[in-house]
Amino acid sequence: MSKMFHALICCRAGMGSSMMLKIKCDQVIKENNLPIETEHGNLDSLIGFNGDLVITMSDLTEELNADPRVPSAVGITNIVDKGEMKEKLEAWVAEHSE
């Protein structure tokens, strides 16, 4: 059985855009049987975050990848583009699986 990864889906405020991103990511994860479980939050949620991945909007990716609290960050450009999410999440899982 493959490892189950834990992801935080967040944006700066943790309001509408990241909640929409979480809904769409959860759909992509379920439809493609990706080994990722998600939680929703804002940047303050990084305090104490012990997961594997942060999924966010692409404008925050560089900042989050430079943050020592973030093990890995994936940025999504279009929060309703399930094709983009599928491509990026599948690539991330392939890179981080055994």
N, C-alpha and C. Protein backbone atom coordinates (compact mmCIF):
# COMPACT_ATOMS: atom_id res chain seq x y z
N MET A 1 0.85 -1.19 0.00
CA MET A 1 0.00 0.00 0.00
C MET A 1 0.88 1.24 0.00
N SER A 2 0.54 2.22 -0.80
CA SER A 2 1.35 3.42 -0.87
C SER A 2 1.10 4.31 0.34
N LYS A 3 2.06 5.16 0.58
CA LYS A 3 1.98 6.09 1.70
C LYS A 3 0.84 7.08 1.48
N MET A 4 0.15 7.43 2.56
CA MET A 4 -0.86 8.47 2.50
C MET A 4 -0.18 9.78 2.88
N PHE A 5 -0.28 10.77 2.01
CA PHE A 5 0.31 12.07 2.24
C PHE A 5 -0.72 13.01 2.84
N HIS A 6 -0.25 13.94 3.65
CA HIS A 6 -1.14 14.91 4.28
C HIS A 6 -0.82 16.30 3.74
N ALA A 7 -1.86 16.98 3.24
CA ALA A 7 -1.67 18.29 2.62
C ALA A 7 -2.51 19.35 3.30
N LEU A 8 -1.93 20.52 3.45
CA LEU A 8 -2.64 21.71 3.90
C LEU A 8 -2.93 22.55 2.67
N ILE A 9 -4.20 22.89 2.48
CA ILE A 9 -4.58 23.77 1.37
C ILE A 9 -4.86 25.13 1.98
N CYS A 10 -4.10 26.12 1.55
CA CYS A 10 -4.23 27.43 2.18
C CYS A 10 -3.97 28.57 1.22
N CYS A 11 -4.37 29.76 1.68
CA CYS A 11 -4.02 31.02 1.03
C CYS A 11 -3.70 31.98 2.17
N ARG A 12 -3.51 33.22 1.87
CA ARG A 12 -3.16 34.17 2.93
C ARG A 12 -4.24 34.27 4.00
N ALA A 13 -5.49 34.42 3.59
CA ALA A 13 -6.57 34.63 4.55
C ALA A 13 -7.33 33.36 4.92
N GLY A 14 -7.30 32.35 4.07
CA GLY A 14 -8.03 31.11 4.37
C GLY A 14 -9.52 31.25 4.16
N MET A 15 -9.91 32.08 3.25
CA MET A 15 -11.34 32.30 3.02
C MET A 15 -11.77 31.64 1.71
N GLY A 16 -12.33 32.39 0.81
CA GLY A 16 -12.98 31.84 -0.38
C GLY A 16 -12.10 31.10 -1.36
N SER A 17 -10.99 31.70 -1.76
CA SER A 17 -10.20 31.07 -2.82
C SER A 17 -9.62 29.74 -2.40
N SER A 18 -9.09 29.65 -1.20
CA SER A 18 -8.51 28.38 -0.78
C SER A 18 -9.58 27.34 -0.47
N MET A 19 -10.77 27.76 -0.06
CA MET A 19 -11.85 26.79 0.15
C MET A 19 -12.30 26.22 -1.18
N MET A 20 -12.38 27.06 -2.20
CA MET A 20 -12.71 26.57 -3.55
C MET A 20 -11.61 25.63 -4.04
N LEU A 21 -10.35 25.99 -3.80
CA LEU A 21 -9.23 25.14 -4.18
C LEU A 21 -9.31 23.79 -3.47
N LYS A 22 -9.67 23.79 -2.19
CA LYS A 22 -9.79 22.52 -1.45
C LYS A 22 -10.89 21.65 -2.04
N ILE A 23 -12.03 22.23 -2.35
CA ILE A 23 -13.14 21.47 -2.92
C ILE A 23 -12.71 20.81 -4.23
N LYS A 24 -12.08 21.59 -5.11
CA LYS A 24 -11.65 21.06 -6.40
C LYS A 24 -10.52 20.03 -6.24
N CYS A 25 -9.57 20.31 -5.35
CA CYS A 25 -8.48 19.34 -5.11
C CYS A 25 -9.03 18.03 -4.57
N ASP A 26 -9.96 18.12 -3.63
CA ASP A 26 -10.56 16.90 -3.08
C ASP A 26 -11.25 16.09 -4.17
N GLN A 27 -11.90 16.76 -5.12
CA GLN A 27 -12.54 16.07 -6.23
C GLN A 27 -11.50 15.36 -7.09
N VAL A 28 -10.42 16.05 -7.41
CA VAL A 28 -9.34 15.48 -8.23
C VAL A 28 -8.70 14.30 -7.51
N ILE A 29 -8.44 14.45 -6.22
CA ILE A 29 -7.83 13.39 -5.43
C ILE A 29 -8.72 12.14 -5.43
N LYS A 30 -10.01 12.34 -5.22
CA LYS A 30 -10.94 11.21 -5.20
C LYS A 30 -11.07 10.56 -6.58
N GLU A 31 -11.25 11.38 -7.62
CA GLU A 31 -11.44 10.87 -8.98
C GLU A 31 -10.23 10.10 -9.49
N ASN A 32 -9.04 10.43 -8.99
CA ASN A 32 -7.81 9.81 -9.48
C ASN A 32 -7.12 8.92 -8.44
N ASN A 33 -7.81 8.65 -7.34
CA ASN A 33 -7.30 7.78 -6.28
C ASN A 33 -5.90 8.17 -5.83
N LEU A 34 -5.68 9.46 -5.65
CA LEU A 34 -4.37 9.93 -5.19
C LEU A 34 -4.26 9.75 -3.68
N PRO A 35 -3.11 9.35 -3.18
CA PRO A 35 -2.94 9.09 -1.75
C PRO A 35 -2.68 10.37 -0.95
N ILE A 36 -3.64 11.29 -1.01
CA ILE A 36 -3.50 12.58 -0.33
C ILE A 36 -4.77 12.84 0.48
N GLU A 37 -4.59 13.21 1.75
CA GLU A 37 -5.71 13.70 2.55
C GLU A 37 -5.44 15.17 2.81
N THR A 38 -6.52 15.96 2.85
CA THR A 38 -6.34 17.40 2.92
C THR A 38 -6.99 18.01 4.15
N GLU A 39 -6.47 19.17 4.51
CA GLU A 39 -7.11 20.03 5.50
C GLU A 39 -7.02 21.45 4.96
N HIS A 40 -7.88 22.31 5.45
CA HIS A 40 -7.96 23.69 4.96
C HIS A 40 -7.50 24.65 6.05
N GLY A 41 -6.84 25.72 5.63
CA GLY A 41 -6.43 26.73 6.59
C GLY A 41 -5.91 27.97 5.90
N ASN A 42 -5.21 28.79 6.68
CA ASN A 42 -4.55 29.98 6.13
C ASN A 42 -3.06 29.87 6.46
N LEU A 43 -2.30 30.91 6.17
CA LEU A 43 -0.86 30.83 6.41
C LEU A 43 -0.52 30.61 7.88
N ASP A 44 -1.36 31.08 8.80
CA ASP A 44 -1.13 30.83 10.22
C ASP A 44 -1.21 29.34 10.55
N SER A 45 -1.89 28.57 9.71
CA SER A 45 -2.02 27.12 9.94
C SER A 45 -0.69 26.40 9.77
N LEU A 46 0.31 27.07 9.21
CA LEU A 46 1.63 26.46 9.06
C LEU A 46 2.30 26.24 10.41
N ILE A 47 1.89 27.01 11.42
CA ILE A 47 2.43 26.84 12.76
C ILE A 47 1.97 25.47 13.25
N GLY A 48 2.90 24.59 13.48
CA GLY A 48 2.57 23.25 13.95
C GLY A 48 2.16 22.27 12.86
N PHE A 49 2.21 22.68 11.59
CA PHE A 49 1.85 21.77 10.51
C PHE A 49 2.93 20.72 10.34
N ASN A 50 2.54 19.46 10.40
CA ASN A 50 3.50 18.36 10.29
C ASN A 50 3.26 17.50 9.07
N GLY A 51 2.56 18.05 8.09
CA GLY A 51 2.23 17.28 6.90
C GLY A 51 3.34 17.25 5.88
N ASP A 52 2.98 16.81 4.68
CA ASP A 52 3.94 16.58 3.60
C ASP A 52 3.93 17.65 2.53
N LEU A 53 2.82 18.36 2.39
CA LEU A 53 2.62 19.20 1.23
C LEU A 53 1.70 20.36 1.57
N VAL A 54 2.00 21.52 0.99
CA VAL A 54 1.09 22.66 1.05
C VAL A 54 0.64 22.93 -0.39
N ILE A 55 -0.66 22.98 -0.57
CA ILE A 55 -1.24 23.30 -1.87
C ILE A 55 -1.81 24.71 -1.76
N THR A 56 -1.41 25.57 -2.69
CA THR A 56 -1.79 26.97 -2.60
C THR A 56 -1.93 27.57 -4.00
N MET A 57 -2.20 28.86 -4.04
CA MET A 57 -2.24 29.55 -5.31
C MET A 57 -0.80 29.79 -5.78
N SER A 58 -0.61 29.81 -7.09
CA SER A 58 0.75 29.88 -7.63
C SER A 58 1.52 31.13 -7.20
N ASP A 59 0.82 32.23 -6.87
CA ASP A 59 1.53 33.44 -6.46
C ASP A 59 2.20 33.31 -5.09
N LEU A 60 1.84 32.28 -4.33
CA LEU A 60 2.45 32.06 -3.01
C LEU A 60 3.50 30.95 -3.01
N THR A 61 3.63 30.22 -4.11
CA THR A 61 4.48 29.03 -4.13
C THR A 61 5.93 29.32 -3.80
N GLU A 62 6.51 30.31 -4.42
CA GLU A 62 7.92 30.62 -4.19
C GLU A 62 8.15 31.01 -2.73
N GLU A 63 7.27 31.84 -2.20
CA GLU A 63 7.37 32.26 -0.79
C GLU A 63 7.29 31.05 0.14
N LEU A 64 6.36 30.14 -0.12
CA LEU A 64 6.19 28.98 0.75
C LEU A 64 7.33 27.99 0.62
N ASN A 65 7.86 27.80 -0.58
CA ASN A 65 8.99 26.89 -0.73
C ASN A 65 10.23 27.41 -0.02
N ALA A 66 10.30 28.70 0.25
CA ALA A 66 11.42 29.28 1.00
C ALA A 66 11.20 29.24 2.51
N ASP A 67 9.99 28.89 2.93
CA ASP A 67 9.64 28.85 4.36
C ASP A 67 10.09 27.51 4.94
N PRO A 68 10.91 27.52 6.00
CA PRO A 68 11.40 26.25 6.56
C PRO A 68 10.30 25.38 7.17
N ARG A 69 9.14 25.93 7.44
CA ARG A 69 8.02 25.14 7.98
C ARG A 69 7.31 24.33 6.91
N VAL A 70 7.60 24.64 5.64
CA VAL A 70 6.90 24.01 4.52
C VAL A 70 7.79 22.95 3.89
N PRO A 71 7.41 21.68 3.97
CA PRO A 71 8.23 20.62 3.38
C PRO A 71 8.23 20.68 1.85
N SER A 72 7.12 21.08 1.27
CA SER A 72 6.98 21.14 -0.18
C SER A 72 5.71 21.93 -0.48
N ALA A 73 5.74 22.72 -1.55
CA ALA A 73 4.54 23.49 -1.93
C ALA A 73 4.25 23.31 -3.41
N VAL A 74 2.98 23.16 -3.72
CA VAL A 74 2.51 23.08 -5.10
C VAL A 74 1.59 24.26 -5.32
N GLY A 75 1.85 25.02 -6.37
CA GLY A 75 1.01 26.17 -6.69
C GLY A 75 0.07 25.88 -7.84
N ILE A 76 -1.16 26.29 -7.67
CA ILE A 76 -2.19 26.12 -8.69
C ILE A 76 -2.52 27.49 -9.27
N THR A 77 -2.47 27.61 -10.58
CA THR A 77 -2.73 28.89 -11.24
C THR A 77 -4.23 29.16 -11.36
N ASN A 78 -4.99 28.14 -11.76
CA ASN A 78 -6.43 28.31 -11.99
C ASN A 78 -7.17 27.38 -11.03
N ILE A 79 -7.85 27.96 -10.03
CA ILE A 79 -8.44 27.14 -8.97
C ILE A 79 -9.67 26.34 -9.40
N VAL A 80 -10.08 26.47 -10.63
CA VAL A 80 -11.16 25.62 -11.12
C VAL A 80 -10.70 24.67 -12.24
N ASP A 81 -9.41 24.66 -12.52
CA ASP A 81 -8.86 23.80 -13.58
C ASP A 81 -8.42 22.46 -13.00
N LYS A 82 -9.32 21.48 -13.06
CA LYS A 82 -9.02 20.17 -12.49
C LYS A 82 -7.90 19.46 -13.24
N GLY A 83 -7.74 19.77 -14.52
CA GLY A 83 -6.65 19.18 -15.30
C GLY A 83 -5.30 19.62 -14.78
N GLU A 84 -5.17 20.90 -14.48
CA GLU A 84 -3.92 21.42 -13.91
C GLU A 84 -3.64 20.77 -12.55
N MET A 85 -4.67 20.67 -11.73
CA MET A 85 -4.49 20.06 -10.40
C MET A 85 -4.06 18.61 -10.53
N LYS A 86 -4.72 17.87 -11.41
CA LYS A 86 -4.40 16.46 -11.61
C LYS A 86 -2.94 16.31 -12.03
N GLU A 87 -2.53 17.09 -13.02
CA GLU A 87 -1.16 17.01 -13.52
C GLU A 87 -0.14 17.32 -12.42
N LYS A 88 -0.36 18.39 -11.68
CA LYS A 88 0.60 18.79 -10.66
C LYS A 88 0.61 17.85 -9.45
N LEU A 89 -0.56 17.39 -9.04
CA LEU A 89 -0.61 16.49 -7.87
C LEU A 89 -0.06 15.11 -8.22
N GLU A 90 -0.38 14.60 -9.42
CA GLU A 90 0.18 13.31 -9.83
C GLU A 90 1.70 13.39 -9.92
N ALA A 91 2.23 14.49 -10.44
CA ALA A 91 3.68 14.65 -10.54
C ALA A 91 4.30 14.72 -9.15
N TRP A 92 3.64 15.42 -8.23
CA TRP A 92 4.18 15.54 -6.86
C TRP A 92 4.18 14.17 -6.19
N VAL A 93 3.09 13.43 -6.29
CA VAL A 93 3.02 12.10 -5.68
C VAL A 93 4.08 11.18 -6.28
N ALA A 94 4.26 11.20 -7.59
CA ALA A 94 5.27 10.35 -8.23
C ALA A 94 6.67 10.69 -7.73
N GLU A 95 6.94 11.96 -7.54
CA GLU A 95 8.26 12.40 -7.07
C GLU A 95 8.52 12.02 -5.62
N HIS A 96 7.45 11.95 -4.81
CA HIS A 96 7.63 11.72 -3.38
C HIS A 96 7.27 10.30 -2.92
N SER A 97 6.89 9.45 -3.85
CA SER A 97 6.61 8.05 -3.51
C SER A 97 7.89 7.24 -3.62
N GLU A 98 7.88 6.10 -3.00
CA GLU A 98 9.07 5.24 -2.99
C GLU A 98 9.42 4.72 -4.36
